[in-house]
């Protein structure tokens, strides 16, 4: 196991790499470096090392199907090849990693193009946490010449909303920053809600940063459309077979370092937004209903189900 894989896994675990897309890219780059520095002498040894790296990366963050799908795809390209030479297998890892990253980039551009059309002149957009896919969509709308405003939450306890706020200001977008608990007070002022996703289940429910489901309920109450912006590869195929998407629970210290020891502090990182609260999933295949996401996945990425 190379140092790169261990370091990357630790960075993912400690949230030093944030955003599902960034986590996926970091993971396949670590796999690529592992391959480039392998000391394996045989195909069997080489694949065993890749699988060991895969397990370490998977363990670093439970709620990351995009990362799992990315790593799984790269390793599958090696396992399905007839190549026996380690040098050629290493090259295949590099080529496959590059292809996957290009595919992700193309998906991101397509999502931005589709989603930006939903933002009308003068709109007020509400968002939660930080998603590079969401901010890229908003940047596309700005580049298209649209004037709009953004209201974003601080997103406790790690304050990822500050990243969103800074990026919006850099784009020249009028931005209002609020505490999470003020969401209901501002919901009637917005035209739409756009959030990212960490995982999509087979039922079309969406796992995202804690607080997202509350915001979806508030949007439903205020009759505001609630959109999820996501690459389809955040779909978790394990949920087709009865598994629940795991909700990572993080350290109590993120909430209150000096909390009394006898106090029970809970810190779930994500929650589940039911599909009935989601107006649509903006993805590379268009704007699809959450109820049809498994069908769309079968058509666009059949290898996920193999």
Foldseek 3Di string as FASTA:
>chain_A
DDPLLVVLLQCLLVVVQDALLSNLLSLLVSLLVCLVPDPDAKLVVSLVSLVVSLVSNCVSDQLRLLNNLSSVQLSVQLVPDPDIGSVVSSVSSVVSSVVVVVVVVLFLVLLLVQLLVVDAAAFEEEEEADHPSVLSSVLSNVVVVGAYAYEYELQPDVRNRVVVVVSCVVSVHHYHYYHLVCLLVCLLVGQAYEYEARAAELQLKTKDFPSLQVSLVSCVVNVHAYEYEYELSSYQLVNVVPDDRDFDWDDQVSVPVPDPPVDDGTGTGIDIHDQVSHPFYRTSVHTHRSRCSNVVCCVPPVVSND
